[in-house]
Amino acid sequence: MFLICKEALNNALKYSKATKIDITLKKKNENIILYVHDNGKGFVLTDTTNGNGLKNMKTRAKNIGGFCQIDSIKGKGTKIHVEVPIT
């Protein structure tokens, strides 16, 4: 979970030109939920071919029994939602 959060923050700081990044970490039932939202430039998900950051976040979440959803709209920022079970 730490590495997913680290990658999300790195991406927001390095690429998004965001002026605001909101991070929320909470427990819901038997899951830990992480939200990382920025107000940066956003991107088209199908246009991201360079690097492995987004793929790695999804793979890491899957490997620990969870999921990672990435939503981005060009000009509107990016939202990352990660949910993993507490073990």
N, C-alpha and C. Protein backbone atom coordinates (compact mmCIF):
# COMPACT_ATOMS: atom_id res chain seq x y z
N MET A 1 0.83 -1.19 0.00
CA MET A 1 0.00 0.00 0.00
C MET A 1 0.88 1.25 0.00
N PHE A 2 1.96 1.19 0.77
CA PHE A 2 2.88 2.32 0.82
C PHE A 2 3.44 2.65 -0.56
N LEU A 3 3.88 1.62 -1.29
CA LEU A 3 4.47 1.85 -2.61
C LEU A 3 3.45 2.38 -3.61
N ILE A 4 2.21 1.97 -3.48
CA ILE A 4 1.15 2.49 -4.35
C ILE A 4 0.96 3.97 -4.08
N CYS A 5 0.89 4.34 -2.82
CA CYS A 5 0.72 5.74 -2.44
C CYS A 5 1.92 6.56 -2.91
N LYS A 6 3.10 6.03 -2.72
CA LYS A 6 4.32 6.72 -3.14
C LYS A 6 4.31 6.98 -4.64
N GLU A 7 3.92 5.99 -5.42
CA GLU A 7 3.86 6.14 -6.88
C GLU A 7 2.81 7.16 -7.29
N ALA A 8 1.66 7.13 -6.65
CA ALA A 8 0.60 8.09 -6.96
C ALA A 8 1.06 9.51 -6.68
N LEU A 9 1.71 9.72 -5.55
CA LEU A 9 2.21 11.05 -5.21
C LEU A 9 3.33 11.48 -6.15
N ASN A 10 4.23 10.57 -6.47
CA ASN A 10 5.31 10.88 -7.39
C ASN A 10 4.74 11.32 -8.75
N ASN A 11 3.77 10.58 -9.25
CA ASN A 11 3.15 10.94 -10.53
C ASN A 11 2.50 12.31 -10.47
N ALA A 12 1.78 12.58 -9.40
CA ALA A 12 1.10 13.87 -9.26
C ALA A 12 2.12 15.01 -9.21
N LEU A 13 3.18 14.82 -8.44
CA LEU A 13 4.18 15.87 -8.30
C LEU A 13 5.02 16.05 -9.56
N LYS A 14 5.33 14.97 -10.23
CA LYS A 14 6.23 15.01 -11.37
C LYS A 14 5.55 15.41 -12.68
N TYR A 15 4.31 14.98 -12.87
CA TYR A 15 3.69 15.14 -14.18
C TYR A 15 2.46 16.05 -14.22
N SER A 16 1.72 16.16 -13.14
CA SER A 16 0.38 16.75 -13.24
C SER A 16 0.34 18.28 -13.21
N LYS A 17 1.38 18.91 -12.68
CA LYS A 17 1.37 20.36 -12.48
C LYS A 17 0.22 20.77 -11.57
N ALA A 18 -0.12 19.89 -10.64
CA ALA A 18 -1.21 20.16 -9.70
C ALA A 18 -0.81 21.24 -8.70
N THR A 19 -1.80 21.98 -8.26
CA THR A 19 -1.59 22.94 -7.17
C THR A 19 -2.18 22.41 -5.87
N LYS A 20 -2.90 21.28 -5.97
CA LYS A 20 -3.52 20.68 -4.79
C LYS A 20 -3.57 19.17 -4.97
N ILE A 21 -3.17 18.45 -3.92
CA ILE A 21 -3.27 16.99 -3.90
C ILE A 21 -3.94 16.61 -2.59
N ASP A 22 -5.04 15.91 -2.68
CA ASP A 22 -5.76 15.42 -1.50
C ASP A 22 -5.48 13.94 -1.33
N ILE A 23 -5.11 13.56 -0.11
CA ILE A 23 -4.85 12.16 0.22
C ILE A 23 -5.77 11.78 1.36
N THR A 24 -6.51 10.70 1.17
CA THR A 24 -7.39 10.19 2.22
C THR A 24 -7.08 8.71 2.41
N LEU A 25 -6.91 8.33 3.65
CA LEU A 25 -6.70 6.93 4.00
C LEU A 25 -7.70 6.59 5.08
N LYS A 26 -8.52 5.57 4.83
CA LYS A 26 -9.52 5.23 5.83
C LYS A 26 -9.77 3.73 5.85
N LYS A 27 -10.39 3.31 6.93
CA LYS A 27 -10.79 1.92 7.10
C LYS A 27 -12.29 1.84 6.89
N LYS A 28 -12.72 0.91 6.07
CA LYS A 28 -14.15 0.70 5.86
C LYS A 28 -14.39 -0.81 5.91
N ASN A 29 -15.15 -1.22 6.89
CA ASN A 29 -15.37 -2.65 7.14
C ASN A 29 -14.02 -3.32 7.32
N GLU A 30 -13.67 -4.26 6.49
CA GLU A 30 -12.39 -4.96 6.62
C GLU A 30 -11.41 -4.56 5.51
N ASN A 31 -11.55 -3.34 5.03
CA ASN A 31 -10.68 -2.85 3.96
C ASN A 31 -10.00 -1.54 4.34
N ILE A 32 -8.83 -1.33 3.77
CA ILE A 32 -8.16 -0.04 3.84
C ILE A 32 -8.37 0.62 2.49
N ILE A 33 -8.78 1.87 2.50
CA ILE A 33 -9.07 2.60 1.27
C ILE A 33 -8.17 3.83 1.19
N LEU A 34 -7.54 3.99 0.05
CA LEU A 34 -6.67 5.13 -0.22
C LEU A 34 -7.24 5.90 -1.40
N TYR A 35 -7.38 7.20 -1.23
CA TYR A 35 -7.75 8.09 -2.33
C TYR A 35 -6.64 9.11 -2.50
N VAL A 36 -6.19 9.30 -3.72
CA VAL A 36 -5.26 10.37 -4.05
C VAL A 36 -5.87 11.12 -5.22
N HIS A 37 -6.24 12.37 -4.98
CA HIS A 37 -6.88 13.19 -6.01
C HIS A 37 -6.03 14.44 -6.21
N ASP A 38 -5.80 14.79 -7.47
CA ASP A 38 -5.09 16.05 -7.74
C ASP A 38 -5.90 16.90 -8.72
N ASN A 39 -5.58 18.18 -8.73
CA ASN A 39 -6.27 19.10 -9.63
C ASN A 39 -5.37 19.47 -10.81
N GLY A 40 -4.51 18.54 -11.19
CA GLY A 40 -3.54 18.79 -12.26
C GLY A 40 -4.13 18.73 -13.65
N LYS A 41 -3.23 18.59 -14.61
CA LYS A 41 -3.63 18.68 -16.01
C LYS A 41 -4.37 17.44 -16.52
N GLY A 42 -4.31 16.34 -15.78
CA GLY A 42 -5.00 15.12 -16.21
C GLY A 42 -4.40 14.55 -17.48
N PHE A 43 -4.93 13.43 -17.91
CA PHE A 43 -4.43 12.77 -19.11
C PHE A 43 -5.48 11.80 -19.61
N VAL A 44 -5.29 11.34 -20.81
CA VAL A 44 -6.15 10.32 -21.40
C VAL A 44 -5.50 8.97 -21.10
N LEU A 45 -6.21 8.12 -20.37
CA LEU A 45 -5.64 6.84 -19.92
C LEU A 45 -5.10 6.00 -21.07
N THR A 46 -5.77 5.99 -22.19
CA THR A 46 -5.34 5.16 -23.31
C THR A 46 -4.09 5.72 -24.00
N ASP A 47 -3.72 6.96 -23.69
CA ASP A 47 -2.53 7.57 -24.30
C ASP A 47 -1.27 7.37 -23.47
N THR A 48 -1.35 6.70 -22.32
CA THR A 48 -0.19 6.54 -21.45
C THR A 48 0.56 5.28 -21.83
N THR A 49 1.65 5.45 -22.56
CA THR A 49 2.45 4.31 -22.99
C THR A 49 3.83 4.31 -22.35
N ASN A 50 4.27 5.44 -21.85
CA ASN A 50 5.61 5.53 -21.25
C ASN A 50 5.57 5.15 -19.79
N GLY A 51 6.57 4.41 -19.35
CA GLY A 51 6.70 4.08 -17.94
C GLY A 51 5.75 2.98 -17.49
N ASN A 52 5.99 2.56 -16.26
CA ASN A 52 5.20 1.46 -15.70
C ASN A 52 4.45 1.85 -14.44
N GLY A 53 4.47 3.11 -14.06
CA GLY A 53 3.90 3.54 -12.78
C GLY A 53 2.44 3.16 -12.58
N LEU A 54 1.58 3.47 -13.55
CA LEU A 54 0.16 3.17 -13.42
C LEU A 54 -0.07 1.66 -13.39
N LYS A 55 0.62 0.97 -14.26
CA LYS A 55 0.51 -0.50 -14.31
C LYS A 55 0.99 -1.11 -12.99
N ASN A 56 2.09 -0.60 -12.47
CA ASN A 56 2.63 -1.13 -11.21
C ASN A 56 1.67 -0.93 -10.05
N MET A 57 0.99 0.22 -9.99
CA MET A 57 0.02 0.45 -8.92
C MET A 57 -1.10 -0.59 -8.98
N LYS A 58 -1.61 -0.84 -10.17
CA LYS A 58 -2.68 -1.82 -10.33
C LYS A 58 -2.21 -3.23 -9.98
N THR A 59 -1.00 -3.57 -10.42
CA THR A 59 -0.46 -4.89 -10.14
C THR A 59 -0.22 -5.08 -8.65
N ARG A 60 0.35 -4.08 -8.00
CA ARG A 60 0.60 -4.18 -6.56
C ARG A 60 -0.70 -4.36 -5.78
N ALA A 61 -1.72 -3.60 -6.14
CA ALA A 61 -3.02 -3.74 -5.46
C ALA A 61 -3.59 -5.14 -5.66
N LYS A 62 -3.52 -5.62 -6.88
CA LYS A 62 -4.03 -6.96 -7.19
C LYS A 62 -3.26 -8.03 -6.41
N ASN A 63 -1.94 -7.86 -6.30
CA ASN A 63 -1.11 -8.84 -5.61
C ASN A 63 -1.42 -8.95 -4.12
N ILE A 64 -2.02 -7.92 -3.55
CA ILE A 64 -2.38 -7.98 -2.12
C ILE A 64 -3.89 -8.11 -1.94
N GLY A 65 -4.56 -8.57 -3.01
CA GLY A 65 -5.98 -8.90 -2.92
C GLY A 65 -6.94 -7.74 -3.10
N GLY A 66 -6.46 -6.64 -3.64
CA GLY A 66 -7.31 -5.46 -3.79
C GLY A 66 -7.40 -5.01 -5.23
N PHE A 67 -7.74 -3.73 -5.39
CA PHE A 67 -7.82 -3.15 -6.72
C PHE A 67 -7.37 -1.70 -6.69
N CYS A 68 -7.03 -1.21 -7.84
CA CYS A 68 -6.64 0.19 -8.02
C CYS A 68 -7.38 0.71 -9.23
N GLN A 69 -8.17 1.75 -9.03
CA GLN A 69 -8.92 2.37 -10.11
C GLN A 69 -8.33 3.76 -10.35
N ILE A 70 -8.02 4.05 -11.60
CA ILE A 70 -7.45 5.34 -11.96
C ILE A 70 -8.39 6.02 -12.93
N ASP A 71 -8.81 7.22 -12.57
CA ASP A 71 -9.68 8.03 -13.43
C ASP A 71 -9.00 9.37 -13.66
N SER A 72 -8.92 9.78 -14.90
CA SER A 72 -8.30 11.06 -15.21
C SER A 72 -9.02 11.69 -16.38
N ILE A 73 -9.18 12.99 -16.29
CA ILE A 73 -9.81 13.75 -17.37
C ILE A 73 -8.86 14.89 -17.72
N LYS A 74 -8.51 14.96 -18.97
CA LYS A 74 -7.59 16.00 -19.43
C LYS A 74 -8.13 17.37 -19.02
N GLY A 75 -7.30 18.12 -18.32
CA GLY A 75 -7.68 19.45 -17.85
C GLY A 75 -8.43 19.46 -16.52
N LYS A 76 -8.74 18.28 -15.97
CA LYS A 76 -9.54 18.20 -14.75
C LYS A 76 -8.86 17.45 -13.62
N GLY A 77 -7.69 16.87 -13.85
CA GLY A 77 -6.98 16.16 -12.78
C GLY A 77 -7.17 14.66 -12.82
N THR A 78 -6.61 14.04 -11.79
CA THR A 78 -6.59 12.59 -11.70
C THR A 78 -7.07 12.13 -10.34
N LYS A 79 -7.82 11.02 -10.32
CA LYS A 79 -8.30 10.42 -9.09
C LYS A 79 -7.85 8.96 -9.06
N ILE A 80 -7.22 8.60 -7.97
CA ILE A 80 -6.78 7.22 -7.78
C ILE A 80 -7.47 6.68 -6.54
N HIS A 81 -8.09 5.52 -6.69
CA HIS A 81 -8.82 4.86 -5.61
C HIS A 81 -8.24 3.45 -5.49
N VAL A 82 -7.71 3.17 -4.29
CA VAL A 82 -7.13 1.86 -4.03
C VAL A 82 -7.86 1.27 -2.83
N GLU A 83 -8.22 0.02 -2.94
CA GLU A 83 -8.90 -0.66 -1.84
C GLU A 83 -8.29 -2.05 -1.68
N VAL A 84 -7.84 -2.34 -0.46
CA VAL A 84 -7.24 -3.65 -0.18
C VAL A 84 -7.77 -4.18 1.15
N PRO A 85 -7.91 -5.49 1.26
CA PRO A 85 -8.39 -6.07 2.51
C PRO A 85 -7.33 -5.97 3.61
N ILE A 86 -7.80 -5.83 4.82
CA ILE A 86 -6.90 -5.86 5.98
C ILE A 86 -6.60 -7.33 6.26
N THR A 87 -5.32 -7.65 6.36
CA THR A 87 -4.95 -9.05 6.61
C THR A 87 -4.20 -9.16 7.92
